[in-house]
C-alpha atoms as a PDB file:
ATOM      1  CA  MET A   1      -1.774  20.277 -16.357  1.00  0.00           C
ATOM      2  CA  ASN A   2       1.317  19.414 -18.314  1.00  0.00           C
ATOM      3  CA  ILE A   3       0.442  16.117 -20.100  1.00  0.00           C
ATOM      4  CA  ILE A   4       2.277  15.111 -23.295  1.00  0.00           C
ATOM      5  CA  ILE A   5       0.650  12.810 -25.748  1.00  0.00           C
ATOM      6  CA  SER A   6       2.638  10.890 -28.234  1.00  0.00           C
ATOM      7  CA  ASN A   7       0.916   9.480 -31.346  1.00  0.00           C
ATOM      8  CA  SER A   8       3.948   7.437 -32.303  1.00  0.00           C
ATOM      9  CA  SER A   9       4.000   5.501 -28.917  1.00  0.00           C
ATOM     10  CA  GLY A  10       2.479   2.097 -29.000  1.00  0.00           C
ATOM     11  CA  GLN A  11       0.748   3.058 -25.750  1.00  0.00           C
ATOM     12  CA  PRO A  12      -3.014   3.977 -25.886  1.00  0.00           C
ATOM     13  CA  ILE A  13      -3.703   7.644 -25.345  1.00  0.00           C
ATOM     14  CA  TYR A  14      -5.959   6.959 -22.378  1.00  0.00           C
ATOM     15  CA  ASP A  15      -3.077   5.113 -20.790  1.00  0.00           C
ATOM     16  CA  GLN A  16      -0.567   7.853 -21.467  1.00  0.00           C
ATOM     17  CA  ILE A  17      -2.847  10.326 -19.646  1.00  0.00           C
ATOM     18  CA  SER A  18      -3.508   8.086 -16.697  1.00  0.00           C
ATOM     19  CA  SER A  19       0.138   7.058 -16.351  1.00  0.00           C
ATOM     20  CA  GLN A  20       1.212  10.726 -16.404  1.00  0.00           C
ATOM     21  CA  ILE A  21      -1.418  11.645 -13.737  1.00  0.00           C
ATOM     22  CA  LYS A  22      -0.348   8.752 -11.633  1.00  0.00           C
ATOM     23  CA  ASN A  23       3.280   9.902 -11.851  1.00  0.00           C
ATOM     24  CA  MET A  24       2.195  13.446 -10.780  1.00  0.00           C
ATOM     25  CA  ILE A  25       0.350  11.936  -7.722  1.00  0.00           C
ATOM     26  CA  ILE A  26       3.286   9.737  -6.782  1.00  0.00           C
ATOM     27  CA  SER A  27       5.958  12.596  -7.118  1.00  0.00           C
ATOM     28  CA  GLY A  28       3.790  14.965  -5.000  1.00  0.00           C
ATOM     29  CA  GLU A  29       3.136  17.322  -7.949  1.00  0.00           C
ATOM     30  CA  LEU A  30      -0.507  16.687  -7.316  1.00  0.00           C
ATOM     31  CA  ASN A  31      -1.599  16.375  -3.647  1.00  0.00           C
ATOM     32  CA  GLU A  32      -4.692  14.954  -1.948  1.00  0.00           C
ATOM     33  CA  GLY A  33      -7.760  16.976  -2.631  1.00  0.00           C
ATOM     34  CA  ASP A  34      -6.257  18.769  -5.737  1.00  0.00           C
ATOM     35  CA  ALA A  35      -8.792  19.195  -8.436  1.00  0.00           C
ATOM     36  CA  LEU A  36      -8.182  17.719 -12.000  1.00  0.00           C
ATOM     37  CA  PRO A  37      -9.398  19.487 -15.086  1.00  0.00           C
ATOM     38  CA  SER A  38     -12.797  18.447 -16.229  1.00  0.00           C
ATOM     39  CA  MET A  39     -12.895  15.701 -18.828  1.00  0.00           C
ATOM     40  CA  ARG A  40     -14.071  18.246 -21.506  1.00  0.00           C
ATOM     41  CA  LEU A  41     -11.425  20.737 -20.730  1.00  0.00           C
ATOM     42  CA  LEU A  42      -8.570  18.216 -20.598  1.00  0.00           C
ATOM     43  CA  ALA A  43      -9.860  16.743 -24.007  1.00  0.00           C
ATOM     44  CA  LYS A  44     -10.037  20.281 -25.573  1.00  0.00           C
ATOM     45  CA  GLU A  45      -6.479  21.061 -24.195  1.00  0.00           C
ATOM     46  CA  LEU A  46      -4.978  17.856 -25.638  1.00  0.00           C
ATOM     47  CA  ARG A  47      -7.120  17.973 -28.767  1.00  0.00           C
ATOM     48  CA  ILE A  48      -8.552  14.450 -28.183  1.00  0.00           C
ATOM     49  CA  SER A  49     -11.938  12.828 -27.677  1.00  0.00           C
ATOM     50  CA  VAL A  50     -13.822  13.278 -24.397  1.00  0.00           C
ATOM     51  CA  ILE A  51     -14.350   9.443 -24.530  1.00  0.00           C
ATOM     52  CA  THR A  52     -10.578   9.101 -24.221  1.00  0.00           C
ATOM     53  CA  THR A  53     -10.265  11.382 -21.227  1.00  0.00           C
ATOM     54  CA  LYS A  54     -13.260   9.732 -19.639  1.00  0.00           C
ATOM     55  CA  ARG A  55     -11.602   6.297 -19.981  1.00  0.00           C
ATOM     56  CA  ALA A  56      -8.328   7.749 -18.470  1.00  0.00           C
ATOM     57  CA  TYR A  57     -10.222   9.116 -15.473  1.00  0.00           C
ATOM     58  CA  GLU A  58     -12.213   5.903 -15.060  1.00  0.00           C
ATOM     59  CA  GLU A  59      -8.933   4.006 -14.912  1.00  0.00           C
ATOM     60  CA  LEU A  60      -7.497   6.374 -12.384  1.00  0.00           C
ATOM     61  CA  GLU A  61     -10.637   6.110 -10.191  1.00  0.00           C
ATOM     62  CA  ARG A  62     -10.725   2.334 -10.491  1.00  0.00           C
ATOM     63  CA  ASP A  63      -7.079   2.219  -9.266  1.00  0.00           C
ATOM     64  CA  GLY A  64      -7.866   4.580  -6.356  1.00  0.00           C
ATOM     65  CA  PHE A  65      -5.891   7.542  -7.525  1.00  0.00           C
ATOM     66  CA  ILE A  66      -8.811   9.939  -7.905  1.00  0.00           C
ATOM     67  CA  VAL A  67     -12.352  10.263  -6.762  1.00  0.00           C
ATOM     68  CA  SER A  68     -15.109  11.747  -9.018  1.00  0.00           C
ATOM     69  CA  ILE A  69     -17.984  13.651  -7.472  1.00  0.00           C
ATOM     70  CA  THR A  70     -21.031  14.213  -9.732  1.00  0.00           C
ATOM     71  CA  GLY A  71     -21.460  17.881 -10.478  1.00  0.00           C
ATOM     72  CA  LYS A  72     -18.190  18.811  -8.752  1.00  0.00           C
ATOM     73  CA  GLY A  73     -15.439  17.050 -10.683  1.00  0.00           C
ATOM     74  CA  SER A  74     -12.522  14.742 -10.073  1.00  0.00           C
ATOM     75  CA  PHE A  75     -10.037  15.141  -7.249  1.00  0.00           C
ATOM     76  CA  VAL A  76      -6.904  13.446  -6.114  1.00  0.00           C
ATOM     77  CA  ALA A  77      -7.870  10.768  -3.668  1.00  0.00           C
ATOM     78  CA  SER A  78      -6.318  10.167  -0.311  1.00  0.00           C
ATOM     79  CA  LYS A  79      -4.188   7.012  -0.892  1.00  0.00           C
ATOM     80  CA  ASN A  80      -1.446   5.458   0.910  1.00  0.00           C
ATOM     81  CA  ILE A  81       1.604   6.705  -0.718  1.00  0.00           C
ATOM     82  CA  ASP A  82       3.617   3.770   0.529  1.00  0.00           C
ATOM     83  CA  PHE A  83       1.108   1.371  -1.150  1.00  0.00           C
ATOM     84  CA  ILE A  84       1.443   3.319  -4.415  1.00  0.00           C
ATOM     85  CA  LYS A  85       5.301   3.283  -4.336  1.00  0.00           C
ATOM     86  CA  GLU A  86       5.115  -0.573  -3.595  1.00  0.00           C
ATOM     87  CA  GLU A  87       3.008  -0.977  -6.745  1.00  0.00           C
ATOM     88  CA  GLN A  88       5.581   1.021  -8.597  1.00  0.00           C
ATOM     89  CA  LEU A  89       8.407  -1.137  -7.297  1.00  0.00           C
ATOM     90  CA  LYS A  90       6.545  -4.338  -8.382  1.00  0.00           C
ATOM     91  CA  ASN A  91       6.222  -2.861 -11.808  1.00  0.00           C
ATOM     92  CA  ILE A  92       9.947  -1.961 -11.970  1.00  0.00           C
ATOM     93  CA  GLU A  93      10.871  -5.533 -10.799  1.00  0.00           C
ATOM     94  CA  GLU A  94       8.735  -6.992 -13.652  1.00  0.00           C
ATOM     95  CA  HIS A  95      10.419  -4.823 -16.182  1.00  0.00           C
ATOM     96  CA  MET A  96      13.873  -5.764 -14.784  1.00  0.00           C
ATOM     97  CA  GLN A  97      12.947  -9.396 -15.060  1.00  0.00           C
ATOM     98  CA  LYS A  98      12.213  -8.909 -18.738  1.00  0.00           C
ATOM     99  CA  ILE A  99      15.598  -7.036 -19.180  1.00  0.00           C
ATOM    100  CA  VAL A 100      17.528  -9.853 -17.464  1.00  0.00           C
ATOM    101  CA  GLU A 101      15.729 -12.472 -19.860  1.00  0.00           C
ATOM    102  CA  ALA A 102      16.494 -10.411 -22.987  1.00  0.00           C
ATOM    103  CA  ALA A 103      20.183  -9.785 -21.737  1.00  0.00           C
ATOM    104  CA  GLU A 104      20.604 -13.577 -21.380  1.00  0.00           C
ATOM    105  CA  ILE A 105      19.441 -14.179 -24.907  1.00  0.00           C
ATOM    106  CA  CYS A 106      21.955 -11.627 -26.108  1.00  0.00           C
ATOM    107  CA  GLY A 107      24.741 -13.012 -23.964  1.00  0.00           C
ATOM    108  CA  LEU A 108      25.189  -9.876 -21.770  1.00  0.00           C
ATOM    109  CA  ASN A 109      26.637 -10.381 -18.323  1.00  0.00           C
ATOM    110  CA  PHE A 110      25.774  -8.594 -15.111  1.00  0.00           C
ATOM    111  CA  GLU A 111      28.504  -6.094 -15.514  1.00  0.00           C
ATOM    112  CA  ASP A 112      27.321  -5.128 -19.025  1.00  0.00           C
ATOM    113  CA  LEU A 113      23.791  -4.672 -17.604  1.00  0.00           C
ATOM    114  CA  THR A 114      24.994  -2.439 -14.708  1.00  0.00           C
ATOM    115  CA  GLN A 115      27.145  -0.451 -17.042  1.00  0.00           C
ATOM    116  CA  MET A 116      24.173   0.077 -19.428  1.00  0.00           C
ATOM    117  CA  LEU A 117      21.843   1.025 -16.568  1.00  0.00           C
ATOM    118  CA  GLU A 118      24.364   3.497 -15.229  1.00  0.00           C
ATOM    119  CA  LEU A 119      24.722   5.191 -18.619  1.00  0.00           C
ATOM    120  CA  ILE A 120      20.931   5.363 -19.058  1.00  0.00           C
ATOM    121  CA  TYR A 121      20.361   6.706 -15.568  1.00  0.00           C
ATOM    122  CA  LYS A 122      22.961   9.396 -15.786  1.00  0.00           C
ATOM    123  CA  GLY A 123      21.608  10.448 -19.210  1.00  0.00           C
ATOM    124  CA  GLU A 124      24.824   9.639 -21.094  1.00  0.00           C
END
């Protein structure tokens, strides 16, 4: 499993792990029923505490992305992909609202914002 941890990010490590696994599920990289690495194995691969991976898995299970079966491991849950995407759209809208508020403070207009978004989206 290709998970990248950034120590310089302000985001907690367990949150980085759960966010990346959620993205893998949403994108279809991980499918329903796919096994996740054990908490110990993932902790060893990422060189972090097992407590951290346990917290990430608990968060994923709480949000319905995975199911854990004692003695067998953790697996991608069957979840309504439309519901997951709707949650992501809500998250995007919240971020965009913050962007609009920050832009108003800076005096940026709609055209400035769309131009910035286009440059970022295209990777320029």
